[in-house]
Amino acid sequence: MNASLHRRLMAYQYFAGLCDTSTGILLVAAPAFTLGLMGLTVVPRPLAFVRYIGVFVLSVGLTYLWAALRWPLSPRAHIAWSTQWKITALIRSLVAIFVLGQVALGSIEARWLSVAFSDALFALIQIEGLRKGWLASAG
């Protein structure tokens, strides 16, 4: 087990999970306020749609926390983490592509690019980590 890699992966898992979980909670509880924090000036209506997106973002975030709490990274837990990373990397990649396309079409504000770039970054980290076997090495 690589202790340094283990610590970094645990920190990443909690960071990614807390980012999405907190954003999801804020989008559900206070959608207009949350979009304002992101610098967006156009708030989609009805707000129920924004809250629906919040539930989705919250769900993605909880998968990171669930994996970290349910299966602390160990020799066998890396299998569960790999599954969670594959699924969330796919989701994040699709969100990034969708948002980039919508910004390019002028359908949404350019400030949404922060969502596309952050999701793409998380997805790339996970894809690279899976490719290099980080989870198995850290377990």
C-alpha atoms as a PDB file:
ATOM      1  CA  MET A   1       0.000   0.000   0.000  1.00  0.00           C
ATOM      2  CA  ASN A   2       1.218   3.450  -0.929  1.00  0.00           C
ATOM      3  CA  ALA A   3       0.315   5.581   2.136  1.00  0.00           C
ATOM      4  CA  SER A   4       0.876   8.933   0.416  1.00  0.00           C
ATOM      5  CA  LEU A   5      -1.295   7.988  -2.557  1.00  0.00           C
ATOM      6  CA  HIS A   6      -3.892   6.582  -0.164  1.00  0.00           C
ATOM      7  CA  ARG A   7      -4.126   9.913   1.702  1.00  0.00           C
ATOM      8  CA  ARG A   8      -4.366  11.903  -1.540  1.00  0.00           C
ATOM      9  CA  LEU A   9      -7.108   9.654  -2.914  1.00  0.00           C
ATOM     10  CA  MET A  10      -9.088   9.842   0.324  1.00  0.00           C
ATOM     11  CA  ALA A  11      -8.765  13.651   0.261  1.00  0.00           C
ATOM     12  CA  TYR A  12      -9.847  13.712  -3.388  1.00  0.00           C
ATOM     13  CA  GLN A  13     -12.840  11.463  -2.672  1.00  0.00           C
ATOM     14  CA  TYR A  14     -14.023  13.678   0.188  1.00  0.00           C
ATOM     15  CA  PHE A  15     -13.310  16.895  -1.731  1.00  0.00           C
ATOM     16  CA  ALA A  16     -15.251  15.763  -4.813  1.00  0.00           C
ATOM     17  CA  GLY A  17     -18.052  14.425  -2.662  1.00  0.00           C
ATOM     18  CA  LEU A  18     -18.355  17.511  -0.506  1.00  0.00           C
ATOM     19  CA  CYS A  19     -18.228  19.851  -3.522  1.00  0.00           C
ATOM     20  CA  ASP A  20     -21.156  18.154  -5.257  1.00  0.00           C
ATOM     21  CA  THR A  21     -23.087  17.346  -2.096  1.00  0.00           C
ATOM     22  CA  SER A  22     -22.961  20.936  -0.837  1.00  0.00           C
ATOM     23  CA  THR A  23     -23.743  22.366  -4.272  1.00  0.00           C
ATOM     24  CA  GLY A  24     -26.666  19.966  -4.632  1.00  0.00           C
ATOM     25  CA  ILE A  25     -28.052  20.888  -1.222  1.00  0.00           C
ATOM     26  CA  LEU A  26     -27.752  24.592  -2.041  1.00  0.00           C
ATOM     27  CA  LEU A  27     -29.443  24.123  -5.431  1.00  0.00           C
ATOM     28  CA  VAL A  28     -32.346  22.331  -3.753  1.00  0.00           C
ATOM     29  CA  ALA A  29     -32.684  24.698  -0.785  1.00  0.00           C
ATOM     30  CA  ALA A  30     -31.893  28.053  -2.415  1.00  0.00           C
ATOM     31  CA  PRO A  31     -31.610  27.711  -6.205  1.00  0.00           C
ATOM     32  CA  ALA A  32     -31.655  31.410  -7.150  1.00  0.00           C
ATOM     33  CA  PHE A  33     -29.142  32.276  -4.424  1.00  0.00           C
ATOM     34  CA  THR A  34     -26.842  29.417  -5.491  1.00  0.00           C
ATOM     35  CA  LEU A  35     -26.911  30.381  -9.164  1.00  0.00           C
ATOM     36  CA  GLY A  36     -26.153  33.938  -8.076  1.00  0.00           C
ATOM     37  CA  LEU A  37     -23.091  32.680  -6.205  1.00  0.00           C
ATOM     38  CA  MET A  38     -21.979  31.131  -9.494  1.00  0.00           C
ATOM     39  CA  GLY A  39     -22.269  34.567 -11.121  1.00  0.00           C
ATOM     40  CA  LEU A  40     -25.235  33.615 -13.273  1.00  0.00           C
ATOM     41  CA  THR A  41     -27.754  36.308 -14.105  1.00  0.00           C
ATOM     42  CA  VAL A  42     -30.383  34.143 -15.806  1.00  0.00           C
ATOM     43  CA  VAL A  43     -32.227  31.931 -13.352  1.00  0.00           C
ATOM     44  CA  PRO A  44     -34.169  29.162 -15.111  1.00  0.00           C
ATOM     45  CA  ARG A  45     -37.880  29.022 -14.359  1.00  0.00           C
ATOM     46  CA  PRO A  46     -39.620  27.271 -12.795  1.00  0.00           C
ATOM     47  CA  LEU A  47     -37.186  26.857  -9.927  1.00  0.00           C
ATOM     48  CA  ALA A  48     -38.347  23.254  -9.573  1.00  0.00           C
ATOM     49  CA  PHE A  49     -36.147  22.424 -12.582  1.00  0.00           C
ATOM     50  CA  VAL A  50     -33.111  23.897 -10.846  1.00  0.00           C
ATOM     51  CA  ARG A  51     -33.981  21.928  -7.730  1.00  0.00           C
ATOM     52  CA  TYR A  52     -34.244  18.780  -9.850  1.00  0.00           C
ATOM     53  CA  ILE A  53     -30.703  19.418 -11.113  1.00  0.00           C
ATOM     54  CA  GLY A  54     -29.714  19.954  -7.478  1.00  0.00           C
ATOM     55  CA  VAL A  55     -30.981  16.504  -6.545  1.00  0.00           C
ATOM     56  CA  PHE A  56     -28.909  15.032  -9.374  1.00  0.00           C
ATOM     57  CA  VAL A  57     -25.761  16.931  -8.286  1.00  0.00           C
ATOM     58  CA  LEU A  58     -26.399  15.923  -4.671  1.00  0.00           C
ATOM     59  CA  SER A  59     -26.722  12.278  -5.730  1.00  0.00           C
ATOM     60  CA  VAL A  60     -23.415  12.337  -7.575  1.00  0.00           C
ATOM     61  CA  GLY A  61     -21.704  13.904  -4.563  1.00  0.00           C
ATOM     62  CA  LEU A  62     -23.147  11.349  -2.193  1.00  0.00           C
ATOM     63  CA  THR A  63     -21.690   8.490  -4.243  1.00  0.00           C
ATOM     64  CA  TYR A  64     -18.189   9.762  -3.439  1.00  0.00           C
ATOM     65  CA  LEU A  65     -18.937  10.063   0.263  1.00  0.00           C
ATOM     66  CA  TRP A  66     -20.769   6.738   0.358  1.00  0.00           C
ATOM     67  CA  ALA A  67     -17.831   4.921  -1.224  1.00  0.00           C
ATOM     68  CA  ALA A  68     -15.333   6.582   1.131  1.00  0.00           C
ATOM     69  CA  LEU A  69     -17.394   5.868   4.251  1.00  0.00           C
ATOM     70  CA  ARG A  70     -18.792   2.465   3.282  1.00  0.00           C
ATOM     71  CA  TRP A  71     -15.596   1.034   1.859  1.00  0.00           C
ATOM     72  CA  PRO A  72     -12.506   2.789   3.216  1.00  0.00           C
ATOM     73  CA  LEU A  73      -9.865   2.343   0.543  1.00  0.00           C
ATOM     74  CA  SER A  74      -8.347  -1.088   1.125  1.00  0.00           C
ATOM     75  CA  PRO A  75      -7.041  -4.004  -0.947  1.00  0.00           C
ATOM     76  CA  ARG A  76     -10.565  -5.116  -1.931  1.00  0.00           C
ATOM     77  CA  ALA A  77     -12.461  -1.820  -1.673  1.00  0.00           C
ATOM     78  CA  HIS A  78     -10.721  -0.462  -4.752  1.00  0.00           C
ATOM     79  CA  ILE A  79     -13.157  -2.519  -6.847  1.00  0.00           C
ATOM     80  CA  ALA A  80     -16.154  -0.577  -5.493  1.00  0.00           C
ATOM     81  CA  TRP A  81     -14.282   2.701  -5.834  1.00  0.00           C
ATOM     82  CA  SER A  82     -13.360   1.848  -9.437  1.00  0.00           C
ATOM     83  CA  THR A  83     -17.021   1.328 -10.248  1.00  0.00           C
ATOM     84  CA  GLN A  84     -17.974   4.614  -8.606  1.00  0.00           C
ATOM     85  CA  TRP A  85     -15.165   6.425 -10.445  1.00  0.00           C
ATOM     86  CA  LYS A  86     -16.164   4.936 -13.817  1.00  0.00           C
ATOM     87  CA  ILE A  87     -19.801   5.915 -13.417  1.00  0.00           C
ATOM     88  CA  THR A  88     -19.113   9.427 -12.138  1.00  0.00           C
ATOM     89  CA  ALA A  89     -16.422  10.024 -14.766  1.00  0.00           C
ATOM     90  CA  LEU A  90     -18.991   9.130 -17.424  1.00  0.00           C
ATOM     91  CA  ILE A  91     -21.621  11.401 -15.866  1.00  0.00           C
ATOM     92  CA  ARG A  92     -19.151  14.266 -15.465  1.00  0.00           C
ATOM     93  CA  SER A  93     -17.887  13.874 -19.037  1.00  0.00           C
ATOM     94  CA  LEU A  94     -21.420  13.988 -20.428  1.00  0.00           C
ATOM     95  CA  VAL A  95     -22.295  17.035 -18.315  1.00  0.00           C
ATOM     96  CA  ALA A  96     -19.146  18.824 -19.494  1.00  0.00           C
ATOM     97  CA  ILE A  97     -19.869  18.050 -23.151  1.00  0.00           C
ATOM     98  CA  PHE A  98     -23.510  19.087 -22.809  1.00  0.00           C
ATOM     99  CA  VAL A  99     -22.700  22.368 -21.063  1.00  0.00           C
ATOM    100  CA  LEU A 100     -19.958  23.199 -23.581  1.00  0.00           C
ATOM    101  CA  GLY A 101     -22.419  22.582 -26.410  1.00  0.00           C
ATOM    102  CA  GLN A 102     -25.116  24.715 -24.822  1.00  0.00           C
ATOM    103  CA  VAL A 103     -22.686  27.592 -24.252  1.00  0.00           C
ATOM    104  CA  ALA A 104     -21.444  27.283 -27.855  1.00  0.00           C
ATOM    105  CA  LEU A 105     -25.042  27.439 -29.099  1.00  0.00           C
ATOM    106  CA  GLY A 106     -25.714  30.498 -26.945  1.00  0.00           C
ATOM    107  CA  SER A 107     -28.467  28.671 -25.034  1.00  0.00           C
ATOM    108  CA  ILE A 108     -26.912  29.337 -21.632  1.00  0.00           C
ATOM    109  CA  GLU A 109     -24.563  31.917 -20.156  1.00  0.00           C
ATOM    110  CA  ALA A 110     -20.809  31.543 -20.611  1.00  0.00           C
ATOM    111  CA  ARG A 111     -20.410  31.448 -16.810  1.00  0.00           C
ATOM    112  CA  TRP A 112     -21.740  27.875 -17.006  1.00  0.00           C
ATOM    113  CA  LEU A 113     -18.298  26.997 -18.379  1.00  0.00           C
ATOM    114  CA  SER A 114     -17.109  26.772 -14.770  1.00  0.00           C
ATOM    115  CA  VAL A 115     -19.396  23.741 -14.410  1.00  0.00           C
ATOM    116  CA  ALA A 116     -18.100  22.214 -17.651  1.00  0.00           C
ATOM    117  CA  PHE A 117     -14.465  22.751 -16.702  1.00  0.00           C
ATOM    118  CA  SER A 118     -14.805  21.472 -13.140  1.00  0.00           C
ATOM    119  CA  ASP A 119     -16.699  18.368 -14.257  1.00  0.00           C
ATOM    120  CA  ALA A 120     -14.176  17.762 -17.028  1.00  0.00           C
ATOM    121  CA  LEU A 121     -11.296  18.125 -14.573  1.00  0.00           C
ATOM    122  CA  PHE A 122     -12.811  15.659 -12.104  1.00  0.00           C
ATOM    123  CA  ALA A 123     -13.540  13.224 -14.948  1.00  0.00           C
ATOM    124  CA  LEU A 124      -9.998  13.487 -16.322  1.00  0.00           C
ATOM    125  CA  ILE A 125      -8.464  12.912 -12.889  1.00  0.00           C
ATOM    126  CA  GLN A 126     -10.572   9.794 -12.445  1.00  0.00           C
ATOM    127  CA  ILE A 127      -9.947   8.479 -15.966  1.00  0.00           C
ATOM    128  CA  GLU A 128      -6.209   8.963 -15.502  1.00  0.00           C
ATOM    129  CA  GLY A 129      -6.327   7.377 -12.048  1.00  0.00           C
ATOM    130  CA  LEU A 130      -8.192   4.365 -13.395  1.00  0.00           C
ATOM    131  CA  ARG A 131      -5.786   4.053 -16.305  1.00  0.00           C
ATOM    132  CA  LYS A 132      -2.768   4.172 -13.990  1.00  0.00           C
ATOM    133  CA  GLY A 133      -4.252   1.880 -11.339  1.00  0.00           C
ATOM    134  CA  TRP A 134      -4.105   4.404  -8.501  1.00  0.00           C
ATOM    135  CA  LEU A 135      -6.949   2.803  -6.550  1.00  0.00           C
ATOM    136  CA  ALA A 136      -5.413  -0.675  -6.526  1.00  0.00           C
ATOM    137  CA  SER A 137      -1.980   0.754  -5.638  1.00  0.00           C
ATOM    138  CA  ALA A 138      -3.359   2.771  -2.728  1.00  0.00           C
ATOM    139  CA  GLY A 139      -5.461  -0.036  -1.280  1.00  0.00           C
END
